[in-house]
Amino acid sequence: MDAIECMRTRRSIRRYKPDPIPRELLEDILDTAMTAPSGTNLQHWHFVVLESPEAMEKFKTLTAEVPARFHPVLAQRFPNHPKTVKATEGFLATLGGAPVCVLAFFDKPDFPDRDSAIQSVSAAIENLLLAAWAHAVGSCWMSVAQRMGLGPAIQEAFAPGKGEFIAAITLGYPDQSPPMPRRKEGRVTFL
């Protein structure tokens, strides 16, 4: 698949098949992620790949309170769609059965240009999503655990000394084919 097709067809996957992802494929996805551009080439990222059932369970246990904490946000965002709220909370609790979850950290939290550094980590995450999809591996980028205040606990449990937790990315072979969400108008201005 070419790059444009990959970008246009990638979707956030919230239901996965239980099939494991071969280690070589995971390594390729992560190697590709780390080819992202970064401000002054500092490569501000650190990734932790959770692939064992024990590590996945530890992460789910640590983030078990996320659905309840996030409920008010979901209820406000989707007031007329209680099924969407319930499905999202179910995904957050189970990670959709994903066999792998990648944790992304900002490895230089004392860096004076935080915005630039976070952008670098975000670029690496986007590379990860696209590299996964190029190999028919689905993904979902989740920042809700960090948003709900669990970043320090995740850092301590999985990557002490490796920086600030930014996001979790589920990976697995898709067990769904969600449609492309409607694109919002007026998001580009040409001058």
Protein backbone atom coordinates (compact mmCIF):
# COMPACT_ATOMS: atom_id res chain seq x y z
CA MET A 1 0.00 0.00 0.00
CA ASP A 2 1.36 3.43 -0.82
CA ALA A 3 1.70 6.19 1.77
CA ILE A 4 -1.38 8.16 0.69
CA GLU A 5 -3.61 5.07 0.78
CA CYS A 6 -2.19 4.16 4.19
CA MET A 7 -3.01 7.58 5.61
CA ARG A 8 -6.50 7.69 4.07
CA THR A 9 -7.54 4.17 5.15
CA ARG A 10 -6.10 3.99 8.67
CA ARG A 11 -8.80 3.95 11.36
CA SER A 12 -8.84 3.81 15.14
CA ILE A 13 -9.53 0.17 15.93
CA ARG A 14 -11.31 -0.68 19.17
CA ARG A 15 -11.87 -4.42 18.68
CA TYR A 16 -9.03 -6.82 17.93
CA LYS A 17 -8.51 -10.47 17.09
CA PRO A 18 -6.50 -12.36 19.72
CA ASP A 19 -3.77 -13.30 17.20
CA PRO A 20 -0.27 -12.36 18.40
CA ILE A 21 1.85 -9.94 16.40
CA PRO A 22 5.25 -11.45 15.50
CA ARG A 23 8.17 -9.82 17.33
CA GLU A 24 9.95 -9.02 14.05
CA LEU A 25 6.89 -7.10 12.87
CA LEU A 26 6.66 -5.19 16.15
CA GLU A 27 10.34 -4.30 15.86
CA ASP A 28 9.80 -3.02 12.32
CA ILE A 29 6.82 -0.92 13.41
CA LEU A 30 8.82 0.62 16.27
CA ASP A 31 11.90 1.18 14.11
CA THR A 32 9.71 3.02 11.62
CA ALA A 33 8.08 5.04 14.40
CA MET A 34 11.47 6.29 15.49
CA THR A 35 12.31 7.67 12.04
CA ALA A 36 10.00 10.59 12.87
CA PRO A 37 11.34 14.12 12.73
CA SER A 38 12.29 15.66 16.06
CA GLY A 39 13.31 19.15 17.09
CA THR A 40 17.11 19.49 16.97
CA ASN A 41 17.19 15.71 16.45
CA LEU A 42 16.91 15.00 20.18
CA GLN A 43 14.48 12.12 19.59
CA HIS A 44 12.56 12.83 22.79
CA TRP A 45 10.71 9.50 22.83
CA HIS A 46 10.92 6.25 24.74
CA PHE A 47 8.56 3.37 23.97
CA VAL A 48 7.63 0.42 26.17
CA VAL A 49 5.98 -2.48 24.34
CA LEU A 50 3.56 -4.51 26.46
CA GLU A 51 3.09 -7.86 24.74
CA SER A 52 2.93 -10.46 27.49
CA PRO A 53 -0.49 -11.24 28.97
CA GLU A 54 0.93 -10.33 32.39
CA ALA A 55 2.09 -6.88 31.25
CA MET A 56 -1.22 -6.22 29.50
CA GLU A 57 -3.16 -7.23 32.61
CA LYS A 58 -0.94 -5.04 34.80
CA PHE A 59 -1.68 -2.05 32.55
CA LYS A 60 -5.44 -2.74 32.51
CA THR A 61 -5.47 -3.10 36.30
CA LEU A 62 -3.51 0.15 36.72
CA THR A 63 -5.92 2.02 34.43
CA ALA A 64 -9.12 0.32 35.66
CA GLU A 65 -10.53 3.58 37.02
CA VAL A 66 -10.17 5.43 33.68
CA PRO A 67 -13.68 4.61 32.38
CA ALA A 68 -15.36 5.95 35.52
CA ARG A 69 -13.17 9.05 35.65
CA PHE A 70 -13.75 9.74 31.96
CA HIS A 71 -17.51 9.11 32.06
CA PRO A 72 -18.49 12.78 32.64
CA VAL A 73 -16.44 13.85 29.61
CA LEU A 74 -18.01 11.18 27.41
CA ALA A 75 -21.52 11.91 28.68
CA GLN A 76 -21.08 15.59 27.85
CA ARG A 77 -19.54 14.88 24.43
CA PHE A 78 -22.17 12.28 23.43
CA PRO A 79 -25.35 13.27 25.34
CA ASN A 80 -27.65 11.63 22.78
CA HIS A 81 -25.53 8.53 22.21
CA PRO A 82 -25.41 6.41 25.39
CA LYS A 83 -24.33 3.36 23.33
CA THR A 84 -21.23 5.25 22.19
CA VAL A 85 -20.44 6.17 25.80
CA LYS A 86 -20.86 2.57 26.92
CA ALA A 87 -18.79 1.19 24.01
CA THR A 88 -15.98 3.67 24.66
CA GLU A 89 -15.91 2.82 28.36
CA GLY A 90 -15.85 -0.89 27.47
CA PHE A 91 -12.89 -0.33 25.15
CA LEU A 92 -11.01 1.63 27.79
CA ALA A 93 -11.53 -1.19 30.30
CA THR A 94 -10.58 -4.06 27.98
CA LEU A 95 -8.38 -2.36 25.34
CA GLY A 96 -10.60 -4.12 22.84
CA GLY A 97 -8.73 -7.38 23.34
CA ALA A 98 -5.55 -5.94 21.81
CA PRO A 99 -2.62 -8.33 22.21
CA VAL A 100 -0.11 -5.44 22.38
CA CYS A 101 -0.07 -1.97 23.89
CA VAL A 102 2.77 0.48 23.30
CA LEU A 103 3.37 3.13 25.94
CA ALA A 104 4.93 6.37 24.71
CA PHE A 105 7.01 8.55 27.01
CA PHE A 106 8.54 12.02 26.67
CA ASP A 107 12.11 11.14 27.60
CA LYS A 108 13.40 14.62 28.40
CA PRO A 109 10.81 16.25 30.69
CA ASP A 110 13.23 19.01 31.75
CA PHE A 111 13.81 20.12 28.14
CA PRO A 112 13.10 23.89 27.95
CA ASP A 113 11.07 23.71 24.70
CA ARG A 114 8.36 21.33 25.89
CA ASP A 115 5.98 22.06 23.01
CA SER A 116 8.56 21.13 20.39
CA ALA A 117 9.52 17.97 22.27
CA ILE A 118 5.90 16.82 22.68
CA GLN A 119 5.39 17.40 18.95
CA SER A 120 8.36 15.11 18.29
CA VAL A 121 6.85 12.33 20.41
CA SER A 122 3.51 12.86 18.66
CA ALA A 123 5.18 12.57 15.24
CA ALA A 124 6.72 9.25 16.32
CA ILE A 125 3.32 8.02 17.49
CA GLU A 126 1.76 8.92 14.14
CA ASN A 127 4.58 7.07 12.36
CA LEU A 128 3.83 4.07 14.57
CA LEU A 129 0.13 4.13 13.61
CA LEU A 130 0.92 4.34 9.90
CA ALA A 131 3.67 1.70 10.01
CA ALA A 132 1.29 -0.65 11.81
CA TRP A 133 -1.46 -0.10 9.25
CA ALA A 134 0.98 -0.63 6.36
CA HIS A 135 1.38 -4.15 7.84
CA ALA A 136 -2.43 -4.62 8.29
CA VAL A 137 -2.09 -4.11 12.05
CA GLY A 138 -4.78 -1.91 13.58
CA SER A 139 -4.16 0.66 16.29
CA CYS A 140 -5.78 3.19 18.56
CA TRP A 141 -3.96 6.20 20.05
CA MET A 142 -5.20 6.86 23.59
CA SER A 143 -4.24 9.80 25.80
CA VAL A 144 -7.11 9.42 28.26
CA ALA A 145 -5.07 7.73 31.04
CA GLN A 146 -2.66 10.66 31.02
CA ARG A 147 -5.58 13.10 30.86
CA MET A 148 -7.21 11.42 33.87
CA GLY A 149 -4.06 11.85 35.97
CA LEU A 150 -2.63 8.32 35.81
CA GLY A 151 0.56 9.26 33.95
CA PRO A 152 2.85 9.22 37.00
CA ALA A 153 1.59 5.79 38.11
CA ILE A 154 2.08 4.37 34.60
CA GLN A 155 5.57 5.86 34.43
CA GLU A 156 6.51 4.39 37.80
CA ALA A 157 5.11 0.96 36.90
CA PHE A 158 6.54 0.61 33.40
CA ALA A 159 9.35 3.10 32.73
CA PRO A 160 10.84 4.71 35.83
CA GLY A 161 13.45 7.24 34.82
CA LYS A 162 12.36 7.24 31.17
CA GLY A 163 10.30 10.40 31.24
CA GLU A 164 6.70 11.50 31.30
CA PHE A 165 3.91 9.22 30.07
CA ILE A 166 2.22 10.70 26.98
CA ALA A 167 -0.04 8.06 25.44
CA ALA A 168 -0.89 4.38 25.02
CA ILE A 169 -1.33 2.83 21.60
CA THR A 170 -3.16 -0.48 21.24
CA LEU A 171 -2.01 -2.78 18.44
CA GLY A 172 -3.56 -5.89 16.95
CA TYR A 173 -5.20 -7.39 13.90
CA PRO A 174 -8.57 -5.64 13.46
CA ASP A 175 -11.80 -7.46 14.26
CA GLN A 176 -13.81 -4.58 12.84
CA SER A 177 -13.81 -2.23 9.84
CA PRO A 178 -15.05 1.13 11.09
CA PRO A 179 -16.07 3.72 8.50
CA MET A 180 -14.14 6.94 8.13
CA PRO A 181 -15.53 9.53 10.54
CA ARG A 182 -17.15 12.56 8.94
CA ARG A 183 -14.57 15.26 8.26
CA LYS A 184 -15.35 18.71 9.66
CA GLU A 185 -15.61 21.62 7.26
CA GLY A 186 -13.56 24.80 7.40
CA ARG A 187 -10.32 23.29 8.72
CA VAL A 188 -8.10 24.71 5.96
CA THR A 189 -7.52 28.28 4.86
CA PHE A 190 -5.54 29.14 1.74
CA LEU A 191 -4.15 32.68 1.55
